[in-house]
C-alpha atoms as a PDB file:
ATOM      1  CA  MET A   1      53.499  25.267 -55.468  1.00  0.00           C
ATOM      2  CA  GLU A   2      56.825  26.887 -54.616  1.00  0.00           C
ATOM      3  CA  ILE A   3      57.377  24.674 -51.576  1.00  0.00           C
ATOM      4  CA  GLY A   4      56.544  21.598 -53.666  1.00  0.00           C
ATOM      5  CA  LEU A   5      59.124  22.506 -56.325  1.00  0.00           C
ATOM      6  CA  LEU A   6      61.710  23.204 -53.636  1.00  0.00           C
ATOM      7  CA  MET A   7      61.044  19.819 -52.015  1.00  0.00           C
ATOM      8  CA  LEU A   8      61.294  18.046 -55.371  1.00  0.00           C
ATOM      9  CA  ARG A   9      64.545  19.804 -56.258  1.00  0.00           C
ATOM     10  CA  LEU A  10      66.119  19.123 -52.870  1.00  0.00           C
ATOM     11  CA  ALA A  11      65.144  15.445 -52.847  1.00  0.00           C
ATOM     12  CA  LEU A  12      66.196  14.842 -56.438  1.00  0.00           C
ATOM     13  CA  GLY A  13      69.366  16.901 -56.328  1.00  0.00           C
ATOM     14  CA  THR A  14      70.529  15.497 -53.007  1.00  0.00           C
ATOM     15  CA  THR A  15      69.903  11.942 -54.190  1.00  0.00           C
ATOM     16  CA  LEU A  16      72.037  12.528 -57.285  1.00  0.00           C
ATOM     17  CA  VAL A  17      74.814  14.195 -55.292  1.00  0.00           C
ATOM     18  CA  LEU A  18      74.919  11.303 -52.814  1.00  0.00           C
ATOM     19  CA  HIS A  19      75.054   8.731 -55.614  1.00  0.00           C
ATOM     20  CA  GLY A  20      77.874  10.651 -57.250  1.00  0.00           C
ATOM     21  CA  THR A  21      79.868  10.679 -54.020  1.00  0.00           C
ATOM     22  CA  GLN A  22      79.420   6.909 -53.795  1.00  0.00           C
ATOM     23  CA  LYS A  23      81.096   6.603 -57.183  1.00  0.00           C
ATOM     24  CA  LEU A  24      83.834   9.146 -56.592  1.00  0.00           C
ATOM     25  CA  PHE A  25      84.720   8.617 -52.933  1.00  0.00           C
ATOM     26  CA  GLY A  26      83.089   5.389 -51.781  1.00  0.00           C
ATOM     27  CA  TRP A  27      80.928   7.320 -49.327  1.00  0.00           C
ATOM     28  CA  PHE A  28      77.652   5.903 -48.022  1.00  0.00           C
ATOM     29  CA  GLY A  29      78.634   2.338 -48.877  1.00  0.00           C
ATOM     30  CA  GLY A  30      79.470   3.100 -52.492  1.00  0.00           C
ATOM     31  CA  PRO A  31      82.128   1.364 -54.552  1.00  0.00           C
ATOM     32  CA  GLY A  32      84.514   4.313 -54.741  1.00  0.00           C
ATOM     33  CA  PHE A  33      86.460   5.561 -57.709  1.00  0.00           C
ATOM     34  CA  ARG A  34      88.646   2.528 -58.431  1.00  0.00           C
ATOM     35  CA  GLU A  35      85.759   0.045 -58.419  1.00  0.00           C
ATOM     36  CA  THR A  36      83.518   2.414 -60.355  1.00  0.00           C
ATOM     37  CA  ALA A  37      86.241   2.711 -63.004  1.00  0.00           C
ATOM     38  CA  LYS A  38      86.478  -1.081 -63.246  1.00  0.00           C
ATOM     39  CA  GLY A  39      82.722  -1.299 -63.583  1.00  0.00           C
ATOM     40  CA  MET A  40      82.717   1.331 -66.306  1.00  0.00           C
ATOM     41  CA  GLU A  41      85.376  -0.589 -68.222  1.00  0.00           C
ATOM     42  CA  SER A  42      83.338  -3.779 -67.955  1.00  0.00           C
ATOM     43  CA  LEU A  43      80.395  -1.928 -69.495  1.00  0.00           C
ATOM     44  CA  GLY A  44      82.559  -0.777 -72.409  1.00  0.00           C
ATOM     45  CA  PHE A  45      83.232   2.776 -71.247  1.00  0.00           C
ATOM     46  CA  VAL A  46      86.944   3.020 -71.955  1.00  0.00           C
ATOM     47  CA  PRO A  47      89.035   4.333 -70.343  1.00  0.00           C
ATOM     48  CA  GLY A  48      87.141   3.459 -67.205  1.00  0.00           C
ATOM     49  CA  ARG A  49      88.850   6.065 -65.028  1.00  0.00           C
ATOM     50  CA  ARG A  50      87.755   8.886 -67.308  1.00  0.00           C
ATOM     51  CA  ALA A  51      84.219   7.491 -67.545  1.00  0.00           C
ATOM     52  CA  ALA A  52      83.976   7.125 -63.758  1.00  0.00           C
ATOM     53  CA  LEU A  53      85.267  10.637 -63.179  1.00  0.00           C
ATOM     54  CA  LEU A  54      82.908  12.188 -65.719  1.00  0.00           C
ATOM     55  CA  ALA A  55      79.893  10.216 -64.476  1.00  0.00           C
ATOM     56  CA  GLY A  56      80.618  11.021 -60.836  1.00  0.00           C
ATOM     57  CA  LEU A  57      81.242  14.707 -61.475  1.00  0.00           C
ATOM     58  CA  ALA A  58      78.175  15.003 -63.691  1.00  0.00           C
ATOM     59  CA  GLU A  59      76.032  13.340 -61.037  1.00  0.00           C
ATOM     60  CA  VAL A  60      77.375  15.528 -58.230  1.00  0.00           C
ATOM     61  CA  GLY A  61      77.362  18.691 -60.338  1.00  0.00           C
ATOM     62  CA  GLY A  62      73.984  18.125 -61.979  1.00  0.00           C
ATOM     63  CA  GLY A  63      72.455  17.139 -58.661  1.00  0.00           C
ATOM     64  CA  ALA A  64      73.859  20.203 -56.896  1.00  0.00           C
ATOM     65  CA  LEU A  65      72.556  22.495 -59.647  1.00  0.00           C
ATOM     66  CA  LEU A  66      69.100  20.889 -59.422  1.00  0.00           C
ATOM     67  CA  ALA A  67      69.018  21.233 -55.639  1.00  0.00           C
ATOM     68  CA  LEU A  68      70.003  24.891 -55.891  1.00  0.00           C
ATOM     69  CA  GLY A  69      67.702  25.551 -58.822  1.00  0.00           C
ATOM     70  CA  LEU A  70      70.559  26.990 -60.866  1.00  0.00           C
ATOM     71  CA  PHE A  71      70.853  26.578 -64.642  1.00  0.00           C
ATOM     72  CA  THR A  72      68.000  24.135 -64.293  1.00  0.00           C
ATOM     73  CA  PRO A  73      67.710  22.999 -67.952  1.00  0.00           C
ATOM     74  CA  VAL A  74      71.442  22.198 -68.059  1.00  0.00           C
ATOM     75  CA  ALA A  75      71.186  20.257 -64.808  1.00  0.00           C
ATOM     76  CA  ALA A  76      68.113  18.423 -66.111  1.00  0.00           C
ATOM     77  CA  ALA A  77      69.843  17.511 -69.380  1.00  0.00           C
ATOM     78  CA  THR A  78      72.879  16.215 -67.486  1.00  0.00           C
ATOM     79  CA  SER A  79      70.710  14.100 -65.209  1.00  0.00           C
ATOM     80  CA  LEU A  80      68.694  12.761 -68.137  1.00  0.00           C
ATOM     81  CA  ALA A  81      71.867  11.777 -70.007  1.00  0.00           C
ATOM     82  CA  LEU A  82      73.279   9.998 -66.941  1.00  0.00           C
ATOM     83  CA  MET A  83      70.090   8.089 -66.268  1.00  0.00           C
ATOM     84  CA  LEU A  84      69.684   7.130 -69.935  1.00  0.00           C
ATOM     85  CA  VAL A  85      73.173   5.639 -69.977  1.00  0.00           C
ATOM     86  CA  ALA A  86      72.519   3.788 -66.715  1.00  0.00           C
ATOM     87  CA  MET A  87      69.175   2.478 -67.968  1.00  0.00           C
ATOM     88  CA  VAL A  88      70.501   1.173 -71.268  1.00  0.00           C
ATOM     89  CA  SER A  89      73.906  -0.106 -70.181  1.00  0.00           C
ATOM     90  CA  VAL A  90      72.949  -1.680 -66.849  1.00  0.00           C
ATOM     91  CA  HIS A  91      69.241  -1.899 -66.077  1.00  0.00           C
ATOM     92  CA  LEU A  92      67.168  -2.326 -69.255  1.00  0.00           C
ATOM     93  CA  SER A  93      67.765  -6.064 -69.581  1.00  0.00           C
ATOM     94  CA  ASN A  94      66.449  -6.552 -66.026  1.00  0.00           C
ATOM     95  CA  GLY A  95      62.985  -5.196 -66.772  1.00  0.00           C
ATOM     96  CA  PHE A  96      61.175  -2.328 -65.109  1.00  0.00           C
ATOM     97  CA  PHE A  97      61.169  -3.060 -61.374  1.00  0.00           C
ATOM     98  CA  VAL A  98      64.086  -1.997 -59.213  1.00  0.00           C
ATOM     99  CA  GLN A  99      63.965  -5.129 -57.016  1.00  0.00           C
ATOM    100  CA  ASN A 100      65.084  -7.076 -60.108  1.00  0.00           C
ATOM    101  CA  GLY A 101      67.772  -4.530 -60.979  1.00  0.00           C
ATOM    102  CA  GLY A 102      65.447  -2.786 -63.431  1.00  0.00           C
ATOM    103  CA  TYR A 103      65.266   0.803 -64.613  1.00  0.00           C
ATOM    104  CA  GLU A 104      62.321   1.980 -62.477  1.00  0.00           C
ATOM    105  CA  TYR A 105      64.483   4.221 -60.260  1.00  0.00           C
ATOM    106  CA  ASN A 106      66.463   5.679 -63.161  1.00  0.00           C
ATOM    107  CA  ILE A 107      63.427   6.640 -65.198  1.00  0.00           C
ATOM    108  CA  ILE A 108      61.843   8.413 -62.230  1.00  0.00           C
ATOM    109  CA  LEU A 109      65.010  10.455 -61.619  1.00  0.00           C
ATOM    110  CA  ALA A 110      65.317  11.294 -65.326  1.00  0.00           C
ATOM    111  CA  LEU A 111      61.706  12.370 -65.731  1.00  0.00           C
ATOM    112  CA  ALA A 112      61.656  14.335 -62.482  1.00  0.00           C
ATOM    113  CA  ALA A 113      64.726  16.284 -63.627  1.00  0.00           C
ATOM    114  CA  LEU A 114      63.255  16.847 -67.069  1.00  0.00           C
ATOM    115  CA  SER A 115      59.974  18.028 -65.541  1.00  0.00           C
ATOM    116  CA  LEU A 116      61.879  20.793 -63.769  1.00  0.00           C
ATOM    117  CA  ALA A 117      63.266  22.013 -67.109  1.00  0.00           C
ATOM    118  CA  PHE A 118      59.702  22.452 -68.352  1.00  0.00           C
ATOM    119  CA  THR A 119      58.162  23.926 -65.177  1.00  0.00           C
ATOM    120  CA  GLY A 120      61.201  25.774 -63.890  1.00  0.00           C
ATOM    121  CA  PRO A 121      62.713  25.462 -60.430  1.00  0.00           C
ATOM    122  CA  GLY A 122      60.242  27.827 -58.772  1.00  0.00           C
ATOM    123  CA  ALA A 123      60.600  31.118 -56.961  1.00  0.00           C
ATOM    124  CA  LEU A 124      62.705  29.566 -54.182  1.00  0.00           C
ATOM    125  CA  SER A 125      65.703  28.964 -56.455  1.00  0.00           C
ATOM    126  CA  LEU A 126      68.910  30.617 -57.558  1.00  0.00           C
ATOM    127  CA  ASP A 127      67.557  30.871 -61.097  1.00  0.00           C
ATOM    128  CA  SER A 128      64.704  32.983 -59.761  1.00  0.00           C
ATOM    129  CA  LEU A 129      66.924  34.967 -57.412  1.00  0.00           C
ATOM    130  CA  THR A 130      69.269  35.884 -60.278  1.00  0.00           C
ATOM    131  CA  GLY A 131      66.449  36.637 -62.699  1.00  0.00           C
ATOM    132  CA  LEU A 132      67.067  33.649 -64.987  1.00  0.00           C
ATOM    133  CA  THR A 133      63.855  32.442 -66.592  1.00  0.00           C
ATOM    134  CA  LEU A 134      65.137  29.266 -68.191  1.00  0.00           C
ATOM    135  CA  ASN A 135      61.931  27.273 -68.268  1.00  0.00           C
ATOM    136  CA  GLY A 136      58.964  26.517 -70.437  1.00  0.00           C
ATOM    137  CA  PRO A 137      58.376  24.364 -73.505  1.00  0.00           C
ATOM    138  CA  ALA A 138      61.443  25.538 -75.440  1.00  0.00           C
ATOM    139  CA  TRP A 139      63.814  25.042 -72.504  1.00  0.00           C
ATOM    140  CA  GLY A 140      62.249  21.703 -71.631  1.00  0.00           C
ATOM    141  CA  LEU A 141      62.558  20.508 -75.212  1.00  0.00           C
ATOM    142  CA  ALA A 142      66.165  21.732 -75.357  1.00  0.00           C
ATOM    143  CA  ALA A 143      66.962  19.823 -72.139  1.00  0.00           C
ATOM    144  CA  LEU A 144      65.255  16.719 -73.541  1.00  0.00           C
ATOM    145  CA  LEU A 145      67.205  16.845 -76.818  1.00  0.00           C
ATOM    146  CA  LEU A 146      70.513  17.658 -75.120  1.00  0.00           C
ATOM    147  CA  GLY A 147      70.056  14.902 -72.541  1.00  0.00           C
ATOM    148  CA  LEU A 148      69.072  12.296 -75.126  1.00  0.00           C
ATOM    149  CA  SER A 149      71.941  13.324 -77.396  1.00  0.00           C
ATOM    150  CA  GLY A 150      74.507  13.296 -74.598  1.00  0.00           C
ATOM    151  CA  GLY A 151      73.411   9.891 -73.397  1.00  0.00           C
ATOM    152  CA  ALA A 152      73.229   8.480 -76.927  1.00  0.00           C
ATOM    153  CA  ILE A 153      76.765   9.649 -77.724  1.00  0.00           C
ATOM    154  CA  GLN A 154      78.079   7.839 -74.655  1.00  0.00           C
ATOM    155  CA  LEU A 155      76.189   4.683 -75.540  1.00  0.00           C
ATOM    156  CA  VAL A 156      77.185   4.485 -79.214  1.00  0.00           C
ATOM    157  CA  THR A 157      80.853   5.194 -78.523  1.00  0.00           C
ATOM    158  CA  ARG A 158      81.299   2.540 -75.871  1.00  0.00           C
ATOM    159  CA  ARG A 159      83.181  -0.585 -76.786  1.00  0.00           C
ATOM    160  CA  LYS A 160      81.474  -3.921 -76.801  1.00  0.00           C
ATOM    161  CA  ALA A 161      82.855  -6.503 -74.420  1.00  0.00           C
ATOM    162  CA  VAL A 162      85.353  -8.836 -76.028  1.00  0.00           C
ATOM    163  CA  ALA A 163      84.577 -12.530 -75.523  1.00  0.00           C
ATOM    164  CA  THR A 164      87.478 -14.438 -73.981  1.00  0.00           C
END
C-alpha cells in the first residue's frame, strides 16, 4: 500500500508541478506567463497577471506538497480548488471527454488529490516522517470544503466577458 500511495503522489504532484511551470515559464510547450495572463483575463479573472501568478504558484506549490506528502490536506484542497475553477471556467461546456476539451482530466486530478486527504500520504511521506497525522474523514472533509470554497470564491468573483 505504501508504494502505491507514493506512486500516486509522485505522479499527481509532478503532473501539477509541470502544468504550473507551463503557465509560469512556458516550459514543456506551455503558454508562459504573459499568454496565461491574457487567457485568464479572457475568462474574467481580472487582473489576469495576478490570476496567472496565483494559479501557477498554487499548481506548482500544491503539486510539490502532494509529491512530497507534506501538509497533504492543504495540498489536496489547493488542487481541488484549481481543478474546479478549470472545470467550470474552461472545460464544462465541452462535456466530459478530454479529446473534446472536456473536464475528464481535471476531475481525475481533483479526486485523486482529495482521496489523499482522506487516506493520508502514506508512510513514505514527509507528513509521516515529521509525525503529522493529517488524514482521515475529518481532514478529508475539511480539504473538500476548503477546496470547494476556494474554487467557488474565484468563480463567483470573476467578471463576465463584455460583449463588443
